[in-house]
Each structure stands twice: as C-alpha cells, then as structure tokens.
Protein backbone atom coordinates (compact mmCIF):
# COMPACT_ATOMS: atom_id res chain seq x y z
CA UNK A 1 -44.46 -20.01 -40.06
CA UNK A 2 -42.52 -17.78 -37.68
CA UNK A 3 -38.81 -17.13 -37.85
CA UNK A 4 -37.17 -19.60 -35.49
CA UNK A 5 -34.72 -17.15 -33.91
CA UNK A 6 -37.52 -14.82 -32.81
CA UNK A 7 -39.04 -16.90 -30.02
CA UNK A 8 -37.73 -14.47 -27.42
CA UNK A 9 -39.06 -11.37 -29.13
CA UNK A 10 -42.22 -10.93 -27.06
CA UNK A 11 -45.36 -12.58 -25.88
CA UNK A 12 -48.39 -10.79 -24.55
CA UNK A 13 -49.24 -11.68 -20.99
CA UNK A 14 -50.91 -10.11 -18.01
CA UNK A 15 -48.17 -10.96 -15.52
CA UNK A 16 -46.46 -8.36 -13.35
CA UNK A 17 -49.57 -6.16 -13.37
CA UNK A 18 -49.31 -5.82 -9.60
CA UNK A 19 -45.77 -4.43 -9.84
CA UNK A 20 -44.81 -0.76 -9.89
CA UNK A 21 -43.83 -0.01 -13.49
CA UNK A 22 -43.30 3.72 -13.01
CA UNK A 23 -39.93 5.43 -13.20
CA UNK A 24 -40.12 5.96 -9.44
CA UNK A 25 -39.02 2.31 -9.27
CA UNK A 26 -35.22 1.96 -9.68
CA UNK A 27 -35.65 -1.53 -11.15
CA UNK A 28 -37.79 -0.08 -13.94
CA UNK A 29 -35.19 2.60 -14.72
CA UNK A 30 -32.54 -0.15 -14.89
CA UNK A 31 -34.61 -2.17 -17.39
CA UNK A 32 -35.07 0.92 -19.57
CA UNK A 33 -31.31 1.48 -19.45
CA UNK A 34 -30.55 -2.14 -20.36
CA UNK A 35 -32.93 -1.88 -23.34
CA UNK A 36 -31.28 1.41 -24.33
CA UNK A 37 -27.76 -0.04 -24.16
CA UNK A 38 -28.79 -2.77 -26.58
CA UNK A 39 -30.55 -0.29 -28.88
CA UNK A 40 -27.46 1.95 -29.00
CA UNK A 41 -25.05 -0.95 -29.55
CA UNK A 42 -27.14 -2.47 -32.34
CA UNK A 43 -27.70 0.90 -33.98
CA UNK A 44 -23.92 1.49 -34.03
CA UNK A 45 -23.35 -1.93 -35.57
CA UNK A 46 -25.93 -1.40 -38.34
CA UNK A 47 -24.53 2.07 -39.08
CA UNK A 48 -21.01 0.58 -39.33
CA UNK A 49 -22.26 -1.72 -42.09
CA UNK A 50 -23.76 1.06 -44.20
CA UNK A 51 -21.53 1.36 -47.25
CA UNK A 52 -21.77 1.29 -51.02
CA UNK A 53 -23.03 -2.11 -52.16
CA UNK A 54 -24.76 -3.00 -48.87
CA UNK A 55 -28.31 -4.34 -49.24
CA UNK A 56 -31.07 -2.64 -47.25
CA UNK A 57 -32.84 -5.90 -46.39
CA UNK A 58 -29.61 -7.44 -45.08
CA UNK A 59 -29.17 -4.45 -42.76
CA UNK A 60 -32.72 -4.97 -41.46
CA UNK A 61 -31.91 -8.62 -40.77
CA UNK A 62 -28.67 -7.67 -39.03
CA UNK A 63 -30.37 -5.23 -36.67
CA UNK A 64 -33.19 -7.62 -35.74
CA UNK A 65 -30.80 -10.57 -35.31
CA UNK A 66 -28.52 -8.60 -32.97
CA UNK A 67 -31.41 -7.37 -30.80
CA UNK A 68 -32.68 -10.93 -30.37
CA UNK A 69 -29.18 -12.28 -29.66
CA UNK A 70 -28.44 -9.65 -27.04
CA UNK A 71 -31.82 -9.79 -25.29
CA UNK A 72 -31.74 -13.60 -25.42
CA UNK A 73 -28.75 -13.63 -23.08
CA UNK A 74 -30.49 -11.62 -20.36
CA UNK A 75 -32.98 -12.38 -17.58
CA UNK A 76 -32.96 -16.08 -18.45
CA UNK A 77 -34.22 -17.16 -15.03
CA UNK A 78 -37.24 -14.84 -15.08
CA UNK A 79 -40.59 -16.53 -15.74
CA UNK A 80 -43.26 -14.93 -17.97
CA UNK A 81 -40.69 -12.31 -18.88
CA UNK A 82 -40.84 -10.66 -22.31
CA UNK A 83 -37.92 -9.10 -24.14
CA UNK A 84 -36.76 -8.49 -27.68
CA UNK A 85 -37.62 -6.25 -30.61
CA UNK A 86 -39.74 -3.17 -29.85
CA UNK A 87 -39.36 -1.72 -33.36
CA UNK A 88 -38.07 -3.83 -36.26
CA UNK A 89 -35.04 -2.40 -38.02
CA UNK A 90 -36.11 -0.01 -40.80
CA UNK A 91 -33.74 1.35 -43.46
CA UNK A 92 -35.29 4.35 -45.23
CA UNK A 93 -33.31 5.96 -48.05
CA UNK A 94 -33.22 9.52 -49.45
CA UNK A 95 -36.83 10.75 -49.90
CA UNK A 96 -38.28 7.66 -48.17
CA UNK A 97 -39.37 8.99 -44.78
CA UNK A 98 -39.88 5.91 -42.62
CA UNK A 99 -40.82 2.26 -42.01
CA UNK A 100 -39.03 0.63 -44.97
CA UNK A 101 -38.15 -2.99 -44.23
CA UNK A 102 -38.70 -4.95 -47.46
CA UNK A 103 -39.89 -8.52 -47.85
CA UNK A 104 -37.22 -11.07 -48.70
CA UNK A 105 -38.96 -11.85 -51.99
CA UNK A 106 -38.64 -8.23 -53.17
CA UNK A 107 -35.80 -7.10 -55.41
CA UNK A 108 -32.78 -6.09 -53.30
CA UNK A 109 -32.23 -2.37 -52.71
CA UNK A 110 -28.49 -1.71 -52.98
CA UNK A 111 -26.98 1.33 -51.28
CA UNK A 112 -24.96 3.86 -53.28
CA UNK A 113 -22.47 6.50 -52.20
CA UNK A 114 -24.10 9.84 -51.41
CA UNK A 115 -27.47 8.39 -50.38
CA UNK A 116 -29.08 9.55 -47.13
CA UNK A 117 -29.87 6.51 -44.98
CA UNK A 118 -32.09 6.54 -41.89
CA UNK A 119 -31.87 3.61 -39.45
CA UNK A 120 -34.70 3.17 -36.94
CA UNK A 121 -34.95 0.34 -34.40
CA UNK A 122 -35.93 -0.45 -30.80
CA UNK A 123 -35.55 -2.93 -27.96
CA UNK A 124 -37.71 -3.79 -24.97
CA UNK A 125 -36.97 -5.46 -21.66
CA UNK A 126 -40.07 -6.62 -19.77
CA UNK A 127 -42.19 -4.41 -22.03
CA UNK A 128 -40.10 -1.30 -21.25
CA UNK A 129 -39.09 0.26 -24.55
CA UNK A 130 -36.01 2.13 -25.80
CA UNK A 131 -35.96 3.23 -29.44
CA UNK A 132 -33.54 5.33 -31.48
CA UNK A 133 -32.93 6.45 -35.04
CA UNK A 134 -29.92 7.97 -36.77
CA UNK A 135 -29.12 9.31 -40.23
CA UNK A 136 -25.87 8.98 -42.20
CA UNK A 137 -24.68 9.58 -45.75
CA UNK A 138 -23.25 6.54 -47.54
CA UNK A 139 -19.50 6.96 -48.04
CA UNK A 140 -19.17 9.95 -45.70
CA UNK A 141 -16.09 10.00 -43.45
CA UNK A 142 -13.58 12.39 -41.89
CA UNK A 143 -11.70 12.19 -45.20
CA UNK A 144 -14.90 12.65 -47.23
CA UNK A 145 -16.84 15.29 -45.33
CA UNK A 146 -20.44 16.30 -46.03
CA UNK A 147 -21.07 20.05 -46.41
CA UNK A 148 -23.70 22.42 -47.82
CA UNK A 149 -27.43 21.73 -47.84
CA UNK A 150 -27.02 18.06 -46.94
CA UNK A 151 -24.94 18.90 -43.86
CA UNK A 152 -27.52 21.56 -42.95
CA UNK A 153 -30.25 18.90 -43.14
CA UNK A 154 -28.51 16.54 -40.73
CA UNK A 155 -27.25 19.24 -38.36
CA UNK A 156 -30.62 21.00 -38.23
CA UNK A 157 -32.54 17.78 -37.59
CA UNK A 158 -30.18 16.74 -34.81
CA UNK A 159 -30.19 20.19 -33.20
CA UNK A 160 -34.00 20.05 -33.20
CA UNK A 161 -33.82 16.68 -31.44
CA UNK A 162 -31.53 18.10 -28.74
CA UNK A 163 -33.76 21.16 -28.31
CA UNK A 164 -36.90 19.00 -28.09
CA UNK A 165 -35.23 16.76 -25.50
CA UNK A 166 -34.17 19.75 -23.41
CA UNK A 167 -37.72 21.11 -23.62
CA UNK A 168 -39.05 18.03 -21.79
CA UNK A 169 -39.14 19.75 -18.43
CA UNK A 170 -41.99 19.03 -15.98
CA UNK A 171 -44.98 21.36 -16.51
CA UNK A 172 -43.88 22.24 -20.07
CA UNK A 173 -46.78 22.00 -22.56
CA UNK A 174 -46.42 19.87 -25.67
CA UNK A 175 -47.38 22.90 -27.79
CA UNK A 176 -44.20 24.66 -26.59
CA UNK A 177 -42.08 21.71 -27.73
CA UNK A 178 -43.85 21.69 -31.10
CA UNK A 179 -43.04 25.39 -31.56
CA UNK A 180 -39.40 24.80 -30.67
CA UNK A 181 -39.10 21.97 -33.22
CA UNK A 182 -40.73 24.00 -35.99
CA UNK A 183 -38.66 27.14 -35.20
CA UNK A 184 -35.44 25.10 -35.35
CA UNK A 185 -36.35 23.80 -38.80
CA UNK A 186 -36.84 27.37 -40.03
CA UNK A 187 -33.39 28.34 -38.73
CA UNK A 188 -31.83 25.78 -41.09
CA UNK A 189 -34.16 26.39 -44.06
CA UNK A 190 -35.81 23.00 -43.55
CA UNK A 191 -39.38 21.71 -43.18
CA UNK A 192 -40.53 19.25 -40.50
CA UNK A 193 -42.38 16.30 -42.01
CA UNK A 194 -46.03 17.15 -41.43
CA UNK A 195 -47.88 15.58 -38.50
CA UNK A 196 -45.08 13.29 -37.33
CA UNK A 197 -45.49 12.37 -33.66
CA UNK A 198 -43.23 11.81 -30.68
CA UNK A 199 -44.87 9.59 -28.07
CA UNK A 200 -44.82 8.92 -24.39
CA UNK A 201 -43.56 5.37 -23.78
CA UNK A 202 -45.46 3.15 -21.38
CA UNK A 203 -45.06 -0.52 -20.56
CA UNK A 204 -45.99 -2.53 -23.68
CA UNK A 205 -47.09 0.70 -25.42
CA UNK A 206 -44.78 2.25 -28.00
CA UNK A 207 -47.44 4.86 -28.83
CA UNK A 208 -48.37 6.04 -25.34
CA UNK A 209 -51.06 8.46 -24.22
CA UNK A 210 -49.19 11.79 -24.41
CA UNK A 211 -48.09 13.05 -27.84
CA UNK A 212 -45.92 15.81 -29.28
CA UNK A 213 -46.57 16.75 -32.91
CA UNK A 214 -44.29 18.51 -35.38
CA UNK A 215 -45.57 20.78 -38.18
CA UNK A 216 -49.23 20.04 -37.45
CA UNK A 217 -51.83 20.47 -40.19
CA UNK A 218 -55.07 22.32 -39.46
CA UNK A 219 -57.00 19.10 -38.81
CA UNK A 220 -54.35 17.68 -36.46
CA UNK A 221 -54.08 20.87 -34.40
CA UNK A 222 -57.50 20.19 -32.94
CA UNK A 223 -56.93 16.44 -32.56
CA UNK A 224 -53.72 16.52 -30.50
CA UNK A 225 -54.62 16.95 -26.86
CA UNK A 226 -52.74 19.70 -25.02
CA UNK A 227 -50.74 18.06 -22.25
CA UNK A 228 -47.99 18.89 -19.78
CA UNK A 229 -44.82 16.92 -19.30
CA UNK A 230 -44.55 15.34 -15.86
CA UNK A 231 -41.71 13.75 -13.93
CA UNK A 232 -41.34 9.95 -14.07
CA UNK A 233 -42.42 9.81 -17.73
CA UNK A 234 -40.56 8.25 -20.66
CA UNK A 235 -40.64 9.65 -24.21
CA UNK A 236 -39.42 8.67 -27.66
CA UNK A 237 -38.57 12.01 -29.29
CA UNK A 238 -38.63 11.52 -33.06
CA UNK A 239 -37.59 14.36 -35.38
CA UNK A 240 -37.87 14.15 -39.18
CA UNK A 241 -36.91 17.13 -41.35
CA UNK A 242 -36.97 17.55 -45.12
CA UNK A 243 -35.33 19.72 -47.76
CA UNK A 244 -38.76 19.84 -49.46
CA UNK A 245 -42.31 20.76 -48.43
CA UNK A 246 -42.56 18.08 -45.75
CA UNK A 247 -45.78 16.53 -47.06
CA UNK A 248 -45.67 12.73 -46.68
CA UNK A 249 -47.22 10.58 -49.39
CA UNK A 250 -47.97 6.88 -49.76
CA UNK A 251 -46.26 5.65 -52.95
CA UNK A 252 -47.76 2.14 -53.01
CA UNK A 253 -44.76 0.50 -51.37
CA UNK A 254 -46.02 -2.53 -49.46
CA UNK A 255 -46.55 -1.95 -45.74
CA UNK A 256 -44.60 -4.60 -43.83
CA UNK A 257 -44.54 -3.17 -40.29
CA UNK A 258 -47.58 -3.61 -38.05
CA UNK A 259 -48.53 -3.89 -34.41
CA UNK A 260 -51.50 -5.49 -32.72
CA UNK A 261 -54.45 -3.20 -32.02
CA UNK A 262 -55.33 -3.93 -28.41
CA UNK A 263 -58.63 -2.02 -28.73
CA UNK A 264 -60.21 -4.26 -31.39
CA UNK A 265 -61.46 -7.85 -31.28
CA UNK A 266 -62.79 -9.79 -34.26
CA UNK A 267 -63.39 -13.46 -35.07
CA UNK A 268 -61.20 -14.14 -38.09
CA UNK A 269 -62.78 -16.30 -40.82
CA UNK A 270 -59.72 -17.58 -42.71
CA UNK A 271 -57.49 -20.27 -41.20
CA UNK A 272 -54.36 -18.56 -42.57
CA UNK A 273 -55.41 -15.34 -40.81
CA UNK A 274 -56.03 -17.14 -37.50
CA UNK A 275 -52.67 -18.92 -37.59
CA UNK A 276 -50.89 -15.69 -38.51
CA UNK A 277 -52.59 -13.67 -35.77
CA UNK A 278 -51.88 -16.39 -33.21
CA UNK A 279 -48.19 -16.18 -34.10
CA UNK A 280 -48.28 -12.38 -33.82
CA UNK A 281 -49.76 -12.72 -30.32
CA UNK A 282 -47.31 -15.39 -29.24
CA UNK A 283 -44.08 -13.98 -30.67
CA UNK A 284 -44.55 -10.21 -30.82
CA UNK A 285 -47.35 -9.43 -28.38
CA UNK A 286 -48.09 -5.67 -28.40
CA UNK A 287 -44.81 -4.69 -30.10
CA UNK A 288 -44.43 -3.60 -33.73
CA UNK A 289 -43.14 -6.34 -36.02
CA UNK A 290 -42.20 -6.86 -39.65
CA UNK A 291 -43.62 -9.41 -42.08
CA UNK A 292 -39.97 -9.98 -42.96
CA UNK A 293 -39.60 -11.89 -39.68
CA UNK A 294 -41.96 -14.69 -40.79
CA UNK A 295 -40.33 -17.75 -42.35
CA UNK A 296 -43.28 -18.52 -44.60
CA UNK A 297 -43.70 -15.18 -46.34
CA UNK A 298 -46.57 -16.23 -48.60
CA UNK A 299 -48.69 -17.36 -45.63
CA UNK A 300 -47.85 -14.19 -43.71
CA UNK A 301 -48.89 -12.05 -46.69
CA UNK A 302 -52.18 -13.95 -46.87
CA UNK A 303 -52.82 -13.82 -43.13
CA UNK A 304 -52.16 -10.13 -42.68
CA UNK A 305 -54.85 -9.03 -45.16
CA UNK A 306 -57.91 -10.00 -43.10
CA UNK A 307 -56.26 -8.89 -39.85
CA UNK A 308 -55.60 -5.42 -41.23
CA UNK A 309 -58.99 -5.16 -42.96
CA UNK A 310 -60.88 -5.63 -39.68
CA UNK A 311 -58.62 -3.42 -37.59
CA UNK A 312 -56.78 -6.10 -35.61
CA UNK A 313 -53.46 -4.63 -36.74
CA UNK A 314 -52.23 -1.04 -36.87
CA UNK A 315 -50.16 -0.48 -40.05
CA UNK A 316 -46.96 1.56 -40.16
CA UNK A 317 -47.03 2.67 -43.81
CA UNK A 318 -43.92 3.46 -45.84
CA UNK A 319 -44.12 7.20 -46.53
CA UNK A 320 -42.27 9.39 -49.03
CA UNK A 321 -41.34 13.01 -49.55
CA UNK A 322 -41.30 14.34 -53.14
CA UNK A 323 -38.69 12.64 -55.30
CA UNK A 324 -35.43 14.60 -55.40
CA UNK A 325 -35.86 15.89 -51.85
CA UNK A 326 -34.06 14.39 -48.86
CA UNK A 327 -35.23 13.49 -45.35
CA UNK A 328 -33.23 13.05 -42.15
CA UNK A 329 -34.37 11.41 -38.91
CA UNK A 330 -32.94 11.45 -35.40
CA UNK A 331 -34.75 9.79 -32.50
CA UNK A 332 -33.90 9.34 -28.83
CA UNK A 333 -35.48 7.83 -25.72
CA UNK A 334 -35.59 10.15 -22.73
CA UNK A 335 -36.60 9.63 -19.10
CA UNK A 336 -37.99 12.66 -17.26
CA UNK A 337 -36.64 12.26 -13.73
CA UNK A 338 -37.02 14.50 -10.64
CA UNK A 339 -33.33 15.53 -10.86
CA UNK A 340 -33.32 16.15 -14.62
CA UNK A 341 -33.43 14.34 -17.95
CA UNK A 342 -31.83 11.01 -18.83
CA UNK A 343 -31.18 10.54 -22.55
CA UNK A 344 -30.73 6.79 -22.57
CA UNK A 345 -31.03 5.86 -26.28
CA UNK A 346 -29.79 7.84 -29.28
CA UNK A 347 -26.32 8.41 -30.69
CA UNK A 348 -24.20 11.59 -30.76
CA UNK A 349 -23.91 13.71 -33.91
CA UNK A 350 -20.63 13.45 -35.80
CA UNK A 351 -19.80 17.10 -36.49
CA UNK A 352 -16.34 16.14 -37.79
CA UNK A 353 -18.00 14.47 -40.78
CA UNK A 354 -21.16 16.58 -41.24
CA UNK A 355 -20.04 20.20 -41.32
CA UNK A 356 -22.79 22.78 -41.61
CA UNK A 357 -22.12 26.52 -41.73
CA UNK A 358 -25.53 27.16 -40.15
CA UNK A 359 -26.24 27.30 -36.43
CA UNK A 360 -29.21 28.09 -34.20
CA UNK A 361 -29.40 31.90 -33.94
CA UNK A 362 -32.67 32.41 -32.04
CA UNK A 363 -31.71 33.41 -28.45
CA UNK A 364 -34.49 31.36 -26.83
CA UNK A 365 -33.59 28.24 -28.81
CA UNK A 366 -29.90 28.80 -28.10
CA UNK A 367 -30.60 28.90 -24.39
CA UNK A 368 -32.54 25.63 -24.57
CA UNK A 369 -29.85 23.94 -26.71
CA UNK A 370 -27.10 24.95 -24.26
CA UNK A 371 -29.07 23.94 -21.16
CA UNK A 372 -27.86 20.93 -19.17
CA UNK A 373 -29.94 17.76 -19.14
CA UNK A 374 -29.46 17.69 -15.39
CA UNK A 375 -29.33 21.22 -13.95
CA UNK A 376 -26.66 21.75 -11.31
CA UNK A 377 -27.98 22.05 -7.80
CA UNK A 378 -27.63 25.49 -6.27
CA UNK A 379 -25.32 25.45 -3.31
CA UNK A 380 -27.12 26.30 -0.12
CA UNK A 381 -25.56 28.96 2.09
CA UNK A 382 -23.93 27.38 5.09
CA UNK A 383 -25.59 28.27 8.37
CA UNK A 384 -23.61 29.62 11.36
CA UNK A 385 -20.22 29.15 9.78
CA UNK A 386 -17.58 29.10 12.51
CA UNK A 387 -15.14 31.97 12.50
CA UNK A 388 -11.85 31.27 10.79
CA UNK A 389 -9.19 30.03 13.11
CA UNK A 390 -6.43 32.45 13.93
CA UNK A 391 -3.10 31.62 12.41
C-alpha cells in the first residue's frame, strides 16, 4: 500500500527523549544544517527542471525521490533514527497559493511559459526540520528577463522574507515582525495572503508553539498569542504575497497533503482506514505527507476519509487567490543563535532575471533589510597599551 522507496521517510518513536534537542547542542545544529543542505540541493534540482512542457506531478515525484535518496545515504548505523521528507514537494501555479501535489490518477498539469511556479518542500534529520520554498517564472532567464508587476511581485515577496528573517532578534515580538511583513507588501503594491503563518520548528513538529502571522484578519488577531523571539529557537519563515486582495479560497481541489494529529485518538471502524493510518504512523510519523506517496491510491483515498473525519489527520488544503491574480512564495529556515541568525535553508533571489524598478523606501525597513544576520562584534579597547617603541 505504501510506496516502496519511502521506508526511510519517518517513523514515530519515543527514542532520544532523554537527549538535549535544543540549539545549545552543537550536534542538533549540525543535524539541522544537514537537513537544510539536502533541502537546498533538492529545491535547486526541482527548479532546474521547471520549463515549458514539464508536468507538475513529475516535479513533485522528483523532489520527494531526491530527498529520500539523499537522506537514505546518511546515519545508516544509527538505530531508531528517523529521516526523510518533512514536507512533500508541492508545485503551486499562478493563483494557486499552496499545497498542490496532485494524485497520479488526476489529469497531468503541464507547465507553460510565463506561469508563476512556487516550489515548497522540506527535509528532516532525526526529526529536526529544514523547509524552503522558492518562486520562478517558467521560461525566465538572463536572456528573457522578467520586469514590471511580475518582477515587483517576486522582488517584494523576497525582500519581505529577508526583512522578516532579520527581524528575528531575541526579545522581538511577533507583532513587530507581522507589521514589517505587511509594510513591505505595501511598498511594492502587493497584498500578503491573509492569515498565513510562519512557525517555530521543534523536533518532530513542523507547526511549533510560537507563530508569526501575516495580514491577520480580525478574528485571527485575537487568536495568535503575542510572543517574543528567544535565542536557540528555529523558525520556518514563510512569506506569500499576491497581486490581488490576498483572500485565500478553497476551490474544491482535492486535499492530498496531511499530517498526523498527535492530540487526537480514535478507534477507526473501517479496515482500510486502520491499514492506512498504520502506514502513516510507520512511514511518515508526525511529518506531513502526500497521498501521492501511496502505491495503492484507491485504498489510500478510502482510508483517509475516516481518519480526516474524526480528526486523526490535519489537512493542508489547496488554496487559491482570485483567478487572474498571481501569488509568489519564499520560505527559509532560520536558527536564532546567541551570536546572530543562521539562515540555513532557502535560496538567493536572482535579481539578474527578475528586475523590479521598485525598492524598499521606508527608512526603518531599509535599516532592517541592510542589517547583518550576524552583527559584528565591537572591538574592546585594549587595556594598558604599552608605549610605542622608539625608533
């Protein structure tokens, strides 16, 4: 029932609970960095295959296959050690906002020149997660540059990511970061997708306790707890901007990405549901997964229904902006360390290809954007310097 090449993806276990899994532990930082290296390498490879005629589902398969191949070669001697996909590869096009990874039985979605394509994926090593997302335009190159509103969309979204990352200083409130994201969108004439969240990353938790919202609605303003950033925390900063009103809608596209809800238990009645949920536990553990990864699609589609109905799974719905509008996404994984910020996953912006005439003008935002991830240490005045020797 489960894809054969996904055995290494993850299994949920209670091992290592006695170990220190904070970023104060150098071994933990190393595992985050290993996961991030794989995420960046796979993201580059998927982006390199985005061209006219490419099929979205094939790109999803490519990303997932590469993550499993690369993680499968590592930590082979470790027992009860989980590794693999932390976010299945999603390919969301134009006004599709996020989480599109179609079933193999669905009609193929073929990419066309000029389309805006968002790639989102993630890797974990020992439950330590590094995710990233990047946006490109099909057919764009140094010889076929993107300008105008489309370039503004990509540049503005990426600048907001860099500003949000540089706002992750210890003792900074999440409300300050939200304001910086929303102000950056306004500078480029864009709208943040309403209520999208960036999350703290914790071991085996892609949606950790602390949250940063963008463009919060009235209801969500009261629901998001005000928190302060602290050192030794990891975050996935996820920025999604639109040329439209930024109001996400469900357009009846089948949800295929889920993760196990660790807070709910329920005795499943159907055998197909029990077999499916057992496979989810064994292969994916607490990590998000796609129904696309199951060999027997029909049984997976049957099994997921009861699991979702009774809250055993958290769905990641496919969301859309208004047709005709475009959405860009850039995401990075950042470690807040005592000596500064480590951006470990996330790719650089290609300003040679995407050339916007707009820039951040707000002085406060400019200062944040230009700030170093790791501030330079101030040189201490030397005490009792000896007098210069006579010539």
